[in-house]
Amino acid sequence: MAVLTDTLRFNTQGNADSLNITRQVSDAVVKSGIQNGTVTLFTPSSTSGLTTIEYESGCLSDFRRLMDELASPEKDYAHEARWHDGNGHSHVRAALIGPSITIPFVEEKLTLGTWQQIMFVDFDVHPRQRELIVQIIGE
C-alpha cells in the first residue's frame, strides 16, 4: 500500500471565505498514480475548516447565515479577553466544522455525490495564505 503526502496552497480573504477545492483534490489523486484508496485533507489551522456542500450561491448563503447564528462575531468570546485579536468566533466556527475530511476514490475518481463538492472555509478575520496537507493512501 502506498502513502503519498502533498500540500495545496492558496490565498483566502478571511471572514468565512469559502473555496471549492474539489478540482485541486481530484488533480492530486490523479497525479499520485494511486488507483483506489482514500484522500485525507487536513488544515493545520485553528481558524479554518473543511466540509462538503453543494457549492452554489444559495447553499453558500445559507451556510454563512448558519455560522452567523451559531457563532456571531458580535458576541463576546473569552478568547478576546486574552488576545484582543477579534477572531474568537473564528475559532469556534472552525471547531464546529472540523479540520479534516477523508474521501474514498475508485479508479482515480473521488466518490463524491452528484452535487457534493469539497469546501475549504477560512473563518479568520484577515486574508491569509493557507496550506492544506493532502495524504493519499491506497494501491
C-alpha atoms as a PDB file:
ATOM      1  CA  MET A   1       0.000   0.000   0.000  1.00  0.00           C
ATOM      2  CA  ALA A   2       1.336   3.413  -0.985  1.00  0.00           C
ATOM      3  CA  VAL A   3       1.156   6.562   1.122  1.00  0.00           C
ATOM      4  CA  LEU A   4       1.812   9.925  -0.511  1.00  0.00           C
ATOM      5  CA  THR A   5       1.734  13.299   1.223  1.00  0.00           C
ATOM      6  CA  ASP A   6       1.498  16.617  -0.586  1.00  0.00           C
ATOM      7  CA  THR A   7       0.232  20.148   0.026  1.00  0.00           C
ATOM      8  CA  LEU A   8      -2.221  22.523  -1.588  1.00  0.00           C
ATOM      9  CA  ARG A   9      -1.637  26.256  -1.204  1.00  0.00           C
ATOM     10  CA  PHE A  10      -3.965  29.157  -1.829  1.00  0.00           C
ATOM     11  CA  ASN A  11      -4.809  32.658  -0.670  1.00  0.00           C
ATOM     12  CA  THR A  12      -8.051  33.468   1.129  1.00  0.00           C
ATOM     13  CA  GLN A  13      -9.868  36.659   2.032  1.00  0.00           C
ATOM     14  CA  GLY A  14     -10.899  35.563   5.548  1.00  0.00           C
ATOM     15  CA  ASN A  15     -14.323  36.293   7.044  1.00  0.00           C
ATOM     16  CA  ALA A  16     -15.802  32.904   6.028  1.00  0.00           C
ATOM     17  CA  ASP A  17     -14.217  32.966   2.574  1.00  0.00           C
ATOM     18  CA  SER A  18     -15.265  29.636   1.058  1.00  0.00           C
ATOM     19  CA  LEU A  19     -13.338  27.885  -1.700  1.00  0.00           C
ATOM     20  CA  ASN A  20     -14.399  24.938  -3.837  1.00  0.00           C
ATOM     21  CA  ILE A  21     -11.242  22.814  -3.834  1.00  0.00           C
ATOM     22  CA  THR A  22     -12.722  19.718  -5.465  1.00  0.00           C
ATOM     23  CA  ARG A  23     -10.738  20.110  -8.698  1.00  0.00           C
ATOM     24  CA  GLN A  24      -7.410  20.549  -6.880  1.00  0.00           C
ATOM     25  CA  VAL A  25      -8.056  17.442  -4.756  1.00  0.00           C
ATOM     26  CA  SER A  26      -9.116  15.399  -7.777  1.00  0.00           C
ATOM     27  CA  ASP A  27      -5.978  16.509  -9.636  1.00  0.00           C
ATOM     28  CA  ALA A  28      -3.818  15.472  -6.658  1.00  0.00           C
ATOM     29  CA  VAL A  29      -5.390  11.994  -6.684  1.00  0.00           C
ATOM     30  CA  VAL A  30      -4.736  11.558 -10.415  1.00  0.00           C
ATOM     31  CA  LYS A  31      -1.183  12.899 -10.053  1.00  0.00           C
ATOM     32  CA  SER A  32      -0.495  10.369  -7.275  1.00  0.00           C
ATOM     33  CA  GLY A  33      -0.897   7.409  -9.627  1.00  0.00           C
ATOM     34  CA  ILE A  34      -2.811   5.544  -6.935  1.00  0.00           C
ATOM     35  CA  GLN A  35      -5.929   3.923  -8.419  1.00  0.00           C
ATOM     36  CA  ASN A  36      -8.047   3.117  -5.344  1.00  0.00           C
ATOM     37  CA  GLY A  37      -7.871   4.398  -1.795  1.00  0.00           C
ATOM     38  CA  THR A  38      -8.637   7.418   0.331  1.00  0.00           C
ATOM     39  CA  VAL A  39      -7.550  11.021   0.298  1.00  0.00           C
ATOM     40  CA  THR A  40      -7.423  12.852   3.609  1.00  0.00           C
ATOM     41  CA  LEU A  41      -7.244  16.632   3.758  1.00  0.00           C
ATOM     42  CA  PHE A  42      -6.106  18.440   6.895  1.00  0.00           C
ATOM     43  CA  THR A  43      -5.890  22.162   7.580  1.00  0.00           C
ATOM     44  CA  PRO A  44      -3.185  22.963  10.159  1.00  0.00           C
ATOM     45  CA  SER A  45      -5.099  25.997  11.365  1.00  0.00           C
ATOM     46  CA  SER A  46      -7.419  26.690  14.286  1.00  0.00           C
ATOM     47  CA  THR A  47      -9.489  29.184  12.279  1.00  0.00           C
ATOM     48  CA  SER A  48     -10.352  27.201   9.141  1.00  0.00           C
ATOM     49  CA  GLY A  49     -12.271  24.055   8.311  1.00  0.00           C
ATOM     50  CA  LEU A  50     -13.206  21.512   5.664  1.00  0.00           C
ATOM     51  CA  THR A  51     -16.581  20.086   4.709  1.00  0.00           C
ATOM     52  CA  THR A  52     -18.688  19.145   1.701  1.00  0.00           C
ATOM     53  CA  ILE A  53     -21.588  21.140   0.307  1.00  0.00           C
ATOM     54  CA  GLU A  54     -23.440  21.788  -2.905  1.00  0.00           C
ATOM     55  CA  TYR A  55     -21.207  24.693  -3.861  1.00  0.00           C
ATOM     56  CA  GLU A  56     -23.806  27.123  -5.195  1.00  0.00           C
ATOM     57  CA  SER A  57     -24.784  30.615  -4.096  1.00  0.00           C
ATOM     58  CA  GLY A  58     -27.919  29.598  -2.159  1.00  0.00           C
ATOM     59  CA  CYS A  59     -26.162  26.919  -0.103  1.00  0.00           C
ATOM     60  CA  LEU A  60     -23.181  29.198   0.494  1.00  0.00           C
ATOM     61  CA  SER A  61     -25.507  31.962   1.719  1.00  0.00           C
ATOM     62  CA  ASP A  62     -27.348  29.519   3.979  1.00  0.00           C
ATOM     63  CA  PHE A  63     -24.040  28.224   5.367  1.00  0.00           C
ATOM     64  CA  ARG A  64     -22.781  31.740   6.120  1.00  0.00           C
ATOM     65  CA  ARG A  65     -26.091  32.638   7.813  1.00  0.00           C
ATOM     66  CA  LEU A  66     -25.926  29.500   9.962  1.00  0.00           C
ATOM     67  CA  MET A  67     -22.370  30.331  11.047  1.00  0.00           C
ATOM     68  CA  ASP A  68     -23.508  33.862  11.964  1.00  0.00           C
ATOM     69  CA  GLU A  69     -26.350  32.418  14.038  1.00  0.00           C
ATOM     70  CA  LEU A  70     -24.202  29.815  15.812  1.00  0.00           C
ATOM     71  CA  ALA A  71     -21.083  31.895  16.395  1.00  0.00           C
ATOM     72  CA  SER A  72     -21.776  35.542  15.684  1.00  0.00           C
ATOM     73  CA  PRO A  73     -18.817  37.909  15.515  1.00  0.00           C
ATOM     74  CA  GLU A  74     -20.988  40.288  17.572  1.00  0.00           C
ATOM     75  CA  LYS A  75     -20.986  38.016  20.656  1.00  0.00           C
ATOM     76  CA  ASP A  76     -18.449  38.134  23.473  1.00  0.00           C
ATOM     77  CA  TYR A  77     -15.731  35.454  23.480  1.00  0.00           C
ATOM     78  CA  ALA A  78     -13.310  34.689  26.302  1.00  0.00           C
ATOM     79  CA  HIS A  79     -10.594  34.340  23.642  1.00  0.00           C
ATOM     80  CA  GLU A  80     -10.969  38.083  23.015  1.00  0.00           C
ATOM     81  CA  ALA A  81     -10.256  38.923  26.647  1.00  0.00           C
ATOM     82  CA  ARG A  82      -6.883  37.221  26.346  1.00  0.00           C
ATOM     83  CA  TRP A  83      -5.712  38.084  22.824  1.00  0.00           C
ATOM     84  CA  HIS A  84      -7.847  41.025  21.627  1.00  0.00           C
ATOM     85  CA  ASP A  85      -7.494  39.858  18.016  1.00  0.00           C
ATOM     86  CA  GLY A  86     -11.174  39.867  17.001  1.00  0.00           C
ATOM     87  CA  ASN A  87     -11.332  36.232  15.971  1.00  0.00           C
ATOM     88  CA  GLY A  88     -12.891  34.374  18.897  1.00  0.00           C
ATOM     89  CA  HIS A  89     -15.849  33.469  16.696  1.00  0.00           C
ATOM     90  CA  SER A  90     -13.425  32.174  14.037  1.00  0.00           C
ATOM     91  CA  HIS A  91     -12.015  29.555  16.403  1.00  0.00           C
ATOM     92  CA  VAL A  92     -15.490  28.409  17.471  1.00  0.00           C
ATOM     93  CA  ARG A  93     -16.677  28.117  13.874  1.00  0.00           C
ATOM     94  CA  ALA A  94     -13.600  26.126  12.859  1.00  0.00           C
ATOM     95  CA  ALA A  95     -14.111  23.771  15.798  1.00  0.00           C
ATOM     96  CA  LEU A  96     -17.704  23.155  14.709  1.00  0.00           C
ATOM     97  CA  ILE A  97     -16.742  22.302  11.122  1.00  0.00           C
ATOM     98  CA  GLY A  98     -13.534  20.406  11.868  1.00  0.00           C
ATOM     99  CA  PRO A  99     -10.017  20.457  10.427  1.00  0.00           C
ATOM    100  CA  SER A 100     -10.127  17.369   8.191  1.00  0.00           C
ATOM    101  CA  ILE A 101     -12.110  15.291   5.756  1.00  0.00           C
ATOM    102  CA  THR A 102     -11.489  11.875   4.177  1.00  0.00           C
ATOM    103  CA  ILE A 103     -12.911  10.848   0.804  1.00  0.00           C
ATOM    104  CA  PRO A 104     -12.639   7.442  -0.848  1.00  0.00           C
ATOM    105  CA  PHE A 105     -11.710   7.237  -4.528  1.00  0.00           C
ATOM    106  CA  VAL A 106     -12.104   4.429  -7.040  1.00  0.00           C
ATOM    107  CA  GLU A 107     -10.166   4.243 -10.304  1.00  0.00           C
ATOM    108  CA  GLU A 108      -8.730   7.718  -9.550  1.00  0.00           C
ATOM    109  CA  LYS A 109     -12.233   9.231  -9.212  1.00  0.00           C
ATOM    110  CA  LEU A 110     -13.493  10.816  -5.993  1.00  0.00           C
ATOM    111  CA  THR A 111     -16.684   9.114  -4.782  1.00  0.00           C
ATOM    112  CA  LEU A 112     -18.486  12.393  -4.119  1.00  0.00           C
ATOM    113  CA  GLY A 113     -22.223  12.633  -4.768  1.00  0.00           C
ATOM    114  CA  THR A 114     -23.558  14.404  -7.853  1.00  0.00           C
ATOM    115  CA  TRP A 115     -23.993  17.778  -6.110  1.00  0.00           C
ATOM    116  CA  GLN A 116     -21.276  17.387  -3.488  1.00  0.00           C
ATOM    117  CA  GLN A 117     -18.104  19.451  -3.609  1.00  0.00           C
ATOM    118  CA  ILE A 118     -15.227  19.837  -1.158  1.00  0.00           C
ATOM    119  CA  MET A 119     -15.222  23.210   0.557  1.00  0.00           C
ATOM    120  CA  PHE A 120     -12.413  24.902   2.473  1.00  0.00           C
ATOM    121  CA  VAL A 121     -13.595  27.748   4.711  1.00  0.00           C
ATOM    122  CA  ASP A 122     -11.314  30.384   6.204  1.00  0.00           C
ATOM    123  CA  PHE A 123     -13.109  31.821   9.229  1.00  0.00           C
ATOM    124  CA  ASP A 124     -10.290  34.129  10.339  1.00  0.00           C
ATOM    125  CA  VAL A 125     -10.747  37.900  10.162  1.00  0.00           C
ATOM    126  CA  HIS A 126      -7.787  38.625   7.858  1.00  0.00           C
ATOM    127  CA  PRO A 127      -6.657  37.407   4.436  1.00  0.00           C
ATOM    128  CA  ARG A 128      -4.268  34.500   4.750  1.00  0.00           C
ATOM    129  CA  GLN A 129      -2.049  32.254   2.709  1.00  0.00           C
ATOM    130  CA  ARG A 130      -3.277  28.767   3.598  1.00  0.00           C
ATOM    131  CA  GLU A 131      -1.730  25.361   3.181  1.00  0.00           C
ATOM    132  CA  LEU A 132      -3.603  22.059   3.278  1.00  0.00           C
ATOM    133  CA  ILE A 133      -1.979  18.719   3.917  1.00  0.00           C
ATOM    134  CA  VAL A 134      -3.136  16.118   1.383  1.00  0.00           C
ATOM    135  CA  GLN A 135      -2.454  12.480   2.214  1.00  0.00           C
ATOM    136  CA  ILE A 136      -3.361   9.792  -0.303  1.00  0.00           C
ATOM    137  CA  ILE A 137      -3.363   6.162   0.762  1.00  0.00           C
ATOM    138  CA  GLY A 138      -4.117   3.184  -1.450  1.00  0.00           C
ATOM    139  CA  GLU A 139      -2.952   0.960  -4.245  1.00  0.00           C
END
